[in-house]
Amino acid sequence: MVILGPAYSDIDYNQSSGIYDLEKDGKKGLADASGRILIPAEYDELLKNNSWNNNIFPVLVKKGTWYYYLDRNGNPLPYKAAEINAY
């Protein structure tokens, strides 16, 4: 059974969160254990929340010159900054 096709250059599974880290053409994204794309592989950086209960969302992403947070559905939260710790 194929969960994610060969389109990605790197796929890493985190068993505790049940999330796949994806990389394609140097861009990062996430998929759930069923292979459903949560965050498309279109971000220069992707930093997961490391909470105690394995809830990795919201994730901090960088696209172009902007950093912002995405929820589990890939929707941006209403904050963005040009620097990673500028919030």
PDB file of N, CA and C in Angstrom:
ATOM      1  N   MET A   1       0.836  -1.174   0.000  1.00  0.00           N
ATOM      2  CA  MET A   1       0.000   0.000   0.000  1.00  0.00           C
ATOM      3  C   MET A   1       0.888   1.247   0.000  1.00  0.00           C
ATOM      4  N   VAL A   2       0.622   2.170  -0.908  1.00  0.00           N
ATOM      5  CA  VAL A   2       1.371   3.415  -1.012  1.00  0.00           C
ATOM      6  C   VAL A   2       0.594   4.507  -0.292  1.00  0.00           C
ATOM      7  N   ILE A   3       1.238   5.139   0.679  1.00  0.00           N
ATOM      8  CA  ILE A   3       0.604   6.235   1.410  1.00  0.00           C
ATOM      9  C   ILE A   3       0.927   7.566   0.749  1.00  0.00           C
ATOM     10  N   LEU A   4       2.184   7.771   0.405  1.00  0.00           N
ATOM     11  CA  LEU A   4       2.633   8.979  -0.289  1.00  0.00           C
ATOM     12  C   LEU A   4       3.440   8.545  -1.504  1.00  0.00           C
ATOM     13  N   GLY A   5       3.173   9.145  -2.624  1.00  0.00           N
ATOM     14  CA  GLY A   5       3.852   8.771  -3.858  1.00  0.00           C
ATOM     15  C   GLY A   5       5.297   9.211  -3.898  1.00  0.00           C
ATOM     16  N   PRO A   6       5.988   8.897  -4.993  1.00  0.00           N
ATOM     17  CA  PRO A   6       7.422   9.185  -5.118  1.00  0.00           C
ATOM     18  C   PRO A   6       7.745  10.646  -5.465  1.00  0.00           C
ATOM     19  N   ALA A   7       6.799  11.540  -5.314  1.00  0.00           N
ATOM     20  CA  ALA A   7       7.021  12.942  -5.668  1.00  0.00           C
ATOM     21  C   ALA A   7       7.953  13.675  -4.701  1.00  0.00           C
ATOM     22  N   TYR A   8       8.204  13.104  -3.533  1.00  0.00           N
ATOM     23  CA  TYR A   8       8.974  13.792  -2.499  1.00  0.00           C
ATOM     24  C   TYR A   8      10.405  13.276  -2.440  1.00  0.00           C
ATOM     25  N   SER A   9      11.352  14.191  -2.202  1.00  0.00           N
ATOM     26  CA  SER A   9      12.762  13.802  -2.104  1.00  0.00           C
ATOM     27  C   SER A   9      13.082  13.231  -0.729  1.00  0.00           C
ATOM     28  N   ASP A  10      12.266  13.574   0.289  1.00  0.00           N
ATOM     29  CA  ASP A  10      12.474  13.044   1.625  1.00  0.00           C
ATOM     30  C   ASP A  10      11.133  12.964   2.346  1.00  0.00           C
ATOM     31  N   ILE A  11      10.900  11.849   3.004  1.00  0.00           N
ATOM     32  CA  ILE A  11       9.708  11.646   3.828  1.00  0.00           C
ATOM     33  C   ILE A  11      10.175  11.031   5.136  1.00  0.00           C
ATOM     34  N   ASP A  12       9.791  11.661   6.238  1.00  0.00           N
ATOM     35  CA  ASP A  12      10.193  11.170   7.557  1.00  0.00           C
ATOM     36  C   ASP A  12       8.944  11.079   8.417  1.00  0.00           C
ATOM     37  N   TYR A  13       8.741   9.940   9.082  1.00  0.00           N
ATOM     38  CA  TYR A  13       7.538   9.733   9.879  1.00  0.00           C
ATOM     39  C   TYR A  13       7.840   9.879  11.359  1.00  0.00           C
ATOM     40  N   ASN A  14       7.049  10.668  12.049  1.00  0.00           N
ATOM     41  CA  ASN A  14       7.166  10.834  13.493  1.00  0.00           C
ATOM     42  C   ASN A  14       6.040  10.034  14.131  1.00  0.00           C
ATOM     43  N   GLN A  15       6.365   8.891  14.700  1.00  0.00           N
ATOM     44  CA  GLN A  15       5.367   7.978  15.228  1.00  0.00           C
ATOM     45  C   GLN A  15       4.566   8.586  16.378  1.00  0.00           C
ATOM     46  N   SER A  16       5.203   9.371  17.233  1.00  0.00           N
ATOM     47  CA  SER A  16       4.491   9.917  18.395  1.00  0.00           C
ATOM     48  C   SER A  16       3.411  10.922  17.986  1.00  0.00           C
ATOM     49  N   SER A  17       3.637  11.693  16.928  1.00  0.00           N
ATOM     50  CA  SER A  17       2.617  12.650  16.480  1.00  0.00           C
ATOM     51  C   SER A  17       1.768  12.091  15.345  1.00  0.00           C
ATOM     52  N   GLY A  18       2.237  11.031  14.683  1.00  0.00           N
ATOM     53  CA  GLY A  18       1.501  10.463  13.559  1.00  0.00           C
ATOM     54  C   GLY A  18       1.537  11.335  12.322  1.00  0.00           C
ATOM     55  N   ILE A  19       2.595  12.121  12.178  1.00  0.00           N
ATOM     56  CA  ILE A  19       2.718  13.081  11.082  1.00  0.00           C
ATOM     57  C   ILE A  19       3.966  12.774  10.258  1.00  0.00           C
ATOM     58  N   TYR A  20       3.836  12.887   8.931  1.00  0.00           N
ATOM     59  CA  TYR A  20       4.973  12.771   8.020  1.00  0.00           C
ATOM     60  C   TYR A  20       5.539  14.153   7.733  1.00  0.00           C
ATOM     61  N   ASP A  21       6.870  14.288   7.825  1.00  0.00           N
ATOM     62  CA  ASP A  21       7.568  15.482   7.353  1.00  0.00           C
ATOM     63  C   ASP A  21       7.884  15.235   5.884  1.00  0.00           C
ATOM     64  N   LEU A  22       7.539  16.183   5.034  1.00  0.00           N
ATOM     65  CA  LEU A  22       7.754  16.045   3.597  1.00  0.00           C
ATOM     66  C   LEU A  22       8.759  17.064   3.106  1.00  0.00           C
ATOM     67  N   GLU A  23       9.526  16.685   2.096  1.00  0.00           N
ATOM     68  CA  GLU A  23      10.398  17.641   1.421  1.00  0.00           C
ATOM     69  C   GLU A  23      10.332  17.387  -0.075  1.00  0.00           C
ATOM     70  N   LYS A  24      10.177  18.479  -0.815  1.00  0.00           N
ATOM     71  CA  LYS A  24      10.107  18.402  -2.275  1.00  0.00           C
ATOM     72  C   LYS A  24      10.756  19.660  -2.838  1.00  0.00           C
ATOM     73  N   ASP A  25      11.787  19.479  -3.635  1.00  0.00           N
ATOM     74  CA  ASP A  25      12.512  20.606  -4.234  1.00  0.00           C
ATOM     75  C   ASP A  25      12.987  21.603  -3.181  1.00  0.00           C
ATOM     76  N   GLY A  26      13.423  21.094  -2.019  1.00  0.00           N
ATOM     77  CA  GLY A  26      13.934  21.944  -0.959  1.00  0.00           C
ATOM     78  C   GLY A  26      12.864  22.614  -0.119  1.00  0.00           C
ATOM     79  N   LYS A  27      11.610  22.378  -0.418  1.00  0.00           N
ATOM     80  CA  LYS A  27      10.497  22.971   0.329  1.00  0.00           C
ATOM     81  C   LYS A  27       9.918  21.936   1.290  1.00  0.00           C
ATOM     82  N   LYS A  28       9.329  22.406   2.373  1.00  0.00           N
ATOM     83  CA  LYS A  28       8.856  21.518   3.436  1.00  0.00           C
ATOM     84  C   LYS A  28       7.338  21.556   3.572  1.00  0.00           C
ATOM     85  N   GLY A  29       6.775  20.412   4.030  1.00  0.00           N
ATOM     86  CA  GLY A  29       5.348  20.296   4.263  1.00  0.00           C
ATOM     87  C   GLY A  29       5.073  19.154   5.225  1.00  0.00           C
ATOM     88  N   LEU A  30       3.786  18.859   5.462  1.00  0.00           N
ATOM     89  CA  LEU A  30       3.374  17.809   6.394  1.00  0.00           C
ATOM     90  C   LEU A  30       2.193  17.031   5.832  1.00  0.00           C
ATOM     91  N   ALA A  31       2.120  15.755   6.202  1.00  0.00           N
ATOM     92  CA  ALA A  31       0.978  14.905   5.861  1.00  0.00           C
ATOM     93  C   ALA A  31       0.613  14.090   7.095  1.00  0.00           C
ATOM     94  N   ASP A  32      -0.658  13.667   7.162  1.00  0.00           N
ATOM     95  CA  ASP A  32      -1.056  12.816   8.284  1.00  0.00           C
ATOM     96  C   ASP A  32      -0.761  11.355   7.958  1.00  0.00           C
ATOM     97  N   ALA A  33      -1.039  10.463   8.882  1.00  0.00           N
ATOM     98  CA  ALA A  33      -0.685   9.049   8.737  1.00  0.00           C
ATOM     99  C   ALA A  33      -1.417   8.364   7.592  1.00  0.00           C
ATOM    100  N   SER A  34      -2.536   8.930   7.145  1.00  0.00           N
ATOM    101  CA  SER A  34      -3.265   8.350   6.011  1.00  0.00           C
ATOM    102  C   SER A  34      -2.728   8.852   4.674  1.00  0.00           C
ATOM    103  N   GLY A  35      -1.804   9.817   4.716  1.00  0.00           N
ATOM    104  CA  GLY A  35      -1.244  10.382   3.493  1.00  0.00           C
ATOM    105  C   GLY A  35      -1.913  11.670   3.061  1.00  0.00           C
ATOM    106  N   ARG A  36      -2.900  12.126   3.801  1.00  0.00           N
ATOM    107  CA  ARG A  36      -3.569  13.395   3.470  1.00  0.00           C
ATOM    108  C   ARG A  36      -2.609  14.549   3.740  1.00  0.00           C
ATOM    109  N   ILE A  37      -2.442  15.409   2.759  1.00  0.00           N
ATOM    110  CA  ILE A  37      -1.544  16.550   2.894  1.00  0.00           C
ATOM    111  C   ILE A  37      -2.185  17.573   3.830  1.00  0.00           C
ATOM    112  N   LEU A  38      -1.499  17.860   4.922  1.00  0.00           N
ATOM    113  CA  LEU A  38      -1.961  18.874   5.874  1.00  0.00           C
ATOM    114  C   LEU A  38      -1.406  20.241   5.501  1.00  0.00           C
ATOM    115  N   ILE A  39      -0.119  20.271   5.226  1.00  0.00           N
ATOM    116  CA  ILE A  39       0.592  21.483   4.828  1.00  0.00           C
ATOM    117  C   ILE A  39       1.358  21.133   3.553  1.00  0.00           C
ATOM    118  N   PRO A  40       1.042  21.746   2.410  1.00  0.00           N
ATOM    119  CA  PRO A  40       1.752  21.412   1.171  1.00  0.00           C
ATOM    120  C   PRO A  40       3.247  21.728   1.272  1.00  0.00           C
ATOM    121  N   ALA A  41       4.062  20.983   0.575  1.00  0.00           N
ATOM    122  CA  ALA A  41       5.517  21.179   0.587  1.00  0.00           C
ATOM    123  C   ALA A  41       5.877  22.392  -0.271  1.00  0.00           C
ATOM    124  N   GLU A  42       5.633  23.576   0.300  1.00  0.00           N
ATOM    125  CA  GLU A  42       5.903  24.823  -0.416  1.00  0.00           C
ATOM    126  C   GLU A  42       6.555  25.881   0.474  1.00  0.00           C
ATOM    127  N   TYR A  43       7.051  25.460   1.630  1.00  0.00           N
ATOM    128  CA  TYR A  43       7.611  26.405   2.599  1.00  0.00           C
ATOM    129  C   TYR A  43       9.113  26.224   2.741  1.00  0.00           C
ATOM    130  N   ASP A  44       9.834  27.353   2.817  1.00  0.00           N
ATOM    131  CA  ASP A  44      11.294  27.336   2.949  1.00  0.00           C
ATOM    132  C   ASP A  44      11.720  26.748   4.290  1.00  0.00           C
ATOM    133  N   GLU A  45      10.952  27.036   5.334  1.00  0.00           N
ATOM    134  CA  GLU A  45      11.209  26.503   6.673  1.00  0.00           C
ATOM    135  C   GLU A  45       9.880  26.067   7.277  1.00  0.00           C
ATOM    136  N   LEU A  46       9.931  25.070   8.132  1.00  0.00           N
ATOM    137  CA  LEU A  46       8.743  24.609   8.843  1.00  0.00           C
ATOM    138  C   LEU A  46       9.186  24.122  10.211  1.00  0.00           C
ATOM    139  N   LEU A  47       8.740  24.811  11.247  1.00  0.00           N
ATOM    140  CA  LEU A  47       9.103  24.463  12.624  1.00  0.00           C
ATOM    141  C   LEU A  47       7.842  24.037  13.360  1.00  0.00           C
ATOM    142  N   LYS A  48       7.880  22.830  13.905  1.00  0.00           N
ATOM    143  CA  LYS A  48       6.718  22.289  14.602  1.00  0.00           C
ATOM    144  C   LYS A  48       6.718  22.705  16.065  1.00  0.00           C
ATOM    145  N   ASN A  49       5.531  22.846  16.619  1.00  0.00           N
ATOM    146  CA  ASN A  49       5.344  23.095  18.036  1.00  0.00           C
ATOM    147  C   ASN A  49       5.703  21.801  18.764  1.00  0.00           C
ATOM    148  N   ASN A  50       6.529  21.862  19.764  1.00  0.00           N
ATOM    149  CA  ASN A  50       6.957  20.669  20.505  1.00  0.00           C
ATOM    150  C   ASN A  50       6.267  20.600  21.856  1.00  0.00           C
ATOM    151  N   SER A  51       4.948  20.505  21.843  1.00  0.00           N
ATOM    152  CA  SER A  51       4.221  20.465  23.106  1.00  0.00           C
ATOM    153  C   SER A  51       4.295  19.086  23.737  1.00  0.00           C
ATOM    154  N   TRP A  52       3.969  19.006  24.983  1.00  0.00           N
ATOM    155  CA  TRP A  52       4.068  17.766  25.753  1.00  0.00           C
ATOM    156  C   TRP A  52       3.093  16.700  25.276  1.00  0.00           C
ATOM    157  N   ASN A  53       1.990  17.072  24.610  1.00  0.00           N
ATOM    158  CA  ASN A  53       0.988  16.079  24.205  1.00  0.00           C
ATOM    159  C   ASN A  53       1.058  15.735  22.717  1.00  0.00           C
ATOM    160  N   ASN A  54       2.202  15.990  22.083  1.00  0.00           N
ATOM    161  CA  ASN A  54       2.443  15.687  20.671  1.00  0.00           C
ATOM    162  C   ASN A  54       1.558  16.473  19.724  1.00  0.00           C
ATOM    163  N   ASN A  55       0.974  17.570  20.175  1.00  0.00           N
ATOM    164  CA  ASN A  55       0.244  18.452  19.283  1.00  0.00           C
ATOM    165  C   ASN A  55       1.251  19.397  18.647  1.00  0.00           C
ATOM    166  N   ILE A  56       1.548  19.185  17.385  1.00  0.00           N
ATOM    167  CA  ILE A  56       2.602  19.959  16.726  1.00  0.00           C
ATOM    168  C   ILE A  56       2.092  21.268  16.126  1.00  0.00           C
ATOM    169  N   PHE A  57       0.798  21.525  16.250  1.00  0.00           N
ATOM    170  CA  PHE A  57       0.216  22.726  15.658  1.00  0.00           C
ATOM    171  C   PHE A  57      -0.056  23.771  16.721  1.00  0.00           C
ATOM    172  N   PRO A  58       0.057  25.044  16.373  1.00  0.00           N
ATOM    173  CA  PRO A  58       0.349  25.575  15.055  1.00  0.00           C
ATOM    174  C   PRO A  58       1.825  25.394  14.701  1.00  0.00           C
ATOM    175  N   VAL A  59       2.112  25.366  13.402  1.00  0.00           N
ATOM    176  CA  VAL A  59       3.492  25.279  12.935  1.00  0.00           C
ATOM    177  C   VAL A  59       3.911  26.655  12.433  1.00  0.00           C
ATOM    178  N   LEU A  60       5.183  26.957  12.615  1.00  0.00           N
ATOM    179  CA  LEU A  60       5.756  28.208  12.122  1.00  0.00           C
ATOM    180  C   LEU A  60       6.390  27.914  10.777  1.00  0.00           C
ATOM    181  N   VAL A  61       6.007  28.667   9.754  1.00  0.00           N
ATOM    182  CA  VAL A  61       6.561  28.460   8.418  1.00  0.00           C
ATOM    183  C   VAL A  61       7.175  29.757   7.904  1.00  0.00           C
ATOM    184  N   LYS A  62       8.061  29.590   6.944  1.00  0.00           N
ATOM    185  CA  LYS A  62       8.632  30.740   6.246  1.00  0.00           C
ATOM    186  C   LYS A  62       8.417  30.517   4.758  1.00  0.00           C
ATOM    187  N   LYS A  63       7.871  31.529   4.119  1.00  0.00           N
ATOM    188  CA  LYS A  63       7.688  31.501   2.667  1.00  0.00           C
ATOM    189  C   LYS A  63       8.123  32.856   2.149  1.00  0.00           C
ATOM    190  N   GLY A  64       9.147  32.844   1.310  1.00  0.00           N
ATOM    191  CA  GLY A  64       9.716  34.114   0.860  1.00  0.00           C
ATOM    192  C   GLY A  64      10.389  34.813   2.019  1.00  0.00           C
ATOM    193  N   THR A  65       9.974  36.028   2.300  1.00  0.00           N
ATOM    194  CA  THR A  65      10.588  36.794   3.393  1.00  0.00           C
ATOM    195  C   THR A  65       9.748  36.808   4.660  1.00  0.00           C
ATOM    196  N   TRP A  66       8.613  36.099   4.676  1.00  0.00           N
ATOM    197  CA  TRP A  66       7.693  36.164   5.807  1.00  0.00           C
ATOM    198  C   TRP A  66       7.628  34.876   6.612  1.00  0.00           C
ATOM    199  N   TYR A  67       7.577  35.027   7.922  1.00  0.00           N
ATOM    200  CA  TYR A  67       7.298  33.945   8.851  1.00  0.00           C
ATOM    201  C   TYR A  67       5.856  34.098   9.324  1.00  0.00           C
ATOM    202  N   TYR A  68       5.134  32.996   9.410  1.00  0.00           N
ATOM    203  CA  TYR A  68       3.789  33.027   9.968  1.00  0.00           C
ATOM    204  C   TYR A  68       3.390  31.632  10.424  1.00  0.00           C
ATOM    205  N   TYR A  69       2.309  31.571  11.195  1.00  0.00           N
ATOM    206  CA  TYR A  69       1.825  30.307  11.742  1.00  0.00           C
ATOM    207  C   TYR A  69       0.679  29.756  10.902  1.00  0.00           C
ATOM    208  N   LEU A  70       0.622  28.407  10.806  1.00  0.00           N
ATOM    209  CA  LEU A  70      -0.469  27.722  10.138  1.00  0.00           C
ATOM    210  C   LEU A  70      -1.144  26.784  11.129  1.00  0.00           C
ATOM    211  N   ASP A  71      -2.467  26.695  11.047  1.00  0.00           N
ATOM    212  CA  ASP A  71      -3.174  25.722  11.869  1.00  0.00           C
ATOM    213  C   ASP A  71      -3.150  24.351  11.197  1.00  0.00           C
ATOM    214  N   ARG A  72      -3.798  23.369  11.784  1.00  0.00           N
ATOM    215  CA  ARG A  72      -3.780  21.990  11.279  1.00  0.00           C
ATOM    216  C   ARG A  72      -4.371  21.859   9.875  1.00  0.00           C
ATOM    217  N   ASN A  73      -5.222  22.797   9.476  1.00  0.00           N
ATOM    218  CA  ASN A  73      -5.825  22.770   8.150  1.00  0.00           C
ATOM    219  C   ASN A  73      -5.043  23.580   7.120  1.00  0.00           C
ATOM    220  N   GLY A  74      -3.886  24.103   7.530  1.00  0.00           N
ATOM    221  CA  GLY A  74      -3.053  24.883   6.621  1.00  0.00           C
ATOM    222  C   GLY A  74      -3.471  26.332   6.505  1.00  0.00           C
ATOM    223  N   ASN A  75      -4.384  26.766   7.358  1.00  0.00           N
ATOM    224  CA  ASN A  75      -4.844  28.154   7.332  1.00  0.00           C
ATOM    225  C   ASN A  75      -3.891  29.041   8.119  1.00  0.00           C
ATOM    226  N   PRO A  76      -3.497  30.181   7.531  1.00  0.00           N
ATOM    227  CA  PRO A  76      -2.597  31.078   8.256  1.00  0.00           C
ATOM    228  C   PRO A  76      -3.309  31.785   9.404  1.00  0.00           C
ATOM    229  N   LEU A  77      -2.594  31.923  10.520  1.00  0.00           N
ATOM    230  CA  LEU A  77      -3.085  32.714  11.637  1.00  0.00           C
ATOM    231  C   LEU A  77      -2.766  34.182  11.340  1.00  0.00           C
ATOM    232  N   PRO A  78      -3.449  35.131  11.967  1.00  0.00           N
ATOM    233  CA  PRO A  78      -3.327  36.539  11.561  1.00  0.00           C
ATOM    234  C   PRO A  78      -2.075  37.263  12.048  1.00  0.00           C
ATOM    235  N   TYR A  79      -0.953  36.571  12.102  1.00  0.00           N
ATOM    236  CA  TYR A  79       0.313  37.178  12.530  1.00  0.00           C
ATOM    237  C   TYR A  79       1.377  36.833  11.514  1.00  0.00           C
ATOM    238  N   LYS A  80       2.209  37.790  11.159  1.00  0.00           N
ATOM    239  CA  LYS A  80       3.371  37.493  10.332  1.00  0.00           C
ATOM    240  C   LYS A  80       4.476  38.483  10.639  1.00  0.00           C
ATOM    241  N   ALA A  81       5.701  38.067  10.371  1.00  0.00           N
ATOM    242  CA  ALA A  81       6.866  38.897  10.666  1.00  0.00           C
ATOM    243  C   ALA A  81       7.986  38.578   9.687  1.00  0.00           C
ATOM    244  N   ALA A  82       8.866  39.524   9.505  1.00  0.00           N
ATOM    245  CA  ALA A  82      10.009  39.339   8.614  1.00  0.00           C
ATOM    246  C   ALA A  82      11.168  38.631   9.303  1.00  0.00           C
ATOM    247  N   GLU A  83      11.107  38.526  10.642  1.00  0.00           N
ATOM    248  CA  GLU A  83      12.144  37.844  11.400  1.00  0.00           C
ATOM    249  C   GLU A  83      11.500  36.749  12.242  1.00  0.00           C
ATOM    250  N   ILE A  84      12.246  35.686  12.512  1.00  0.00           N
ATOM    251  CA  ILE A  84      11.672  34.518  13.184  1.00  0.00           C
ATOM    252  C   ILE A  84      11.198  34.806  14.592  1.00  0.00           C
ATOM    253  N   ASN A  85      11.848  35.654  15.353  1.00  0.00           N
ATOM    254  CA  ASN A  85      11.458  35.921  16.739  1.00  0.00           C
ATOM    255  C   ASN A  85      10.915  37.336  16.915  1.00  0.00           C
ATOM    256  N   ALA A  86      10.229  37.841  15.934  1.00  0.00           N
ATOM    257  CA  ALA A  86       9.758  39.234  15.975  1.00  0.00           C
ATOM    258  C   ALA A  86       8.350  39.385  16.521  1.00  0.00           C
ATOM    259  N   TYR A  87       7.760  38.338  17.048  1.00  0.00           N
ATOM    260  CA  TYR A  87       6.367  38.411  17.515  1.00  0.00           C
ATOM    261  C   TYR A  87       6.288  39.056  18.863  1.00  0.00           C
TER     262      TYR A  87
END
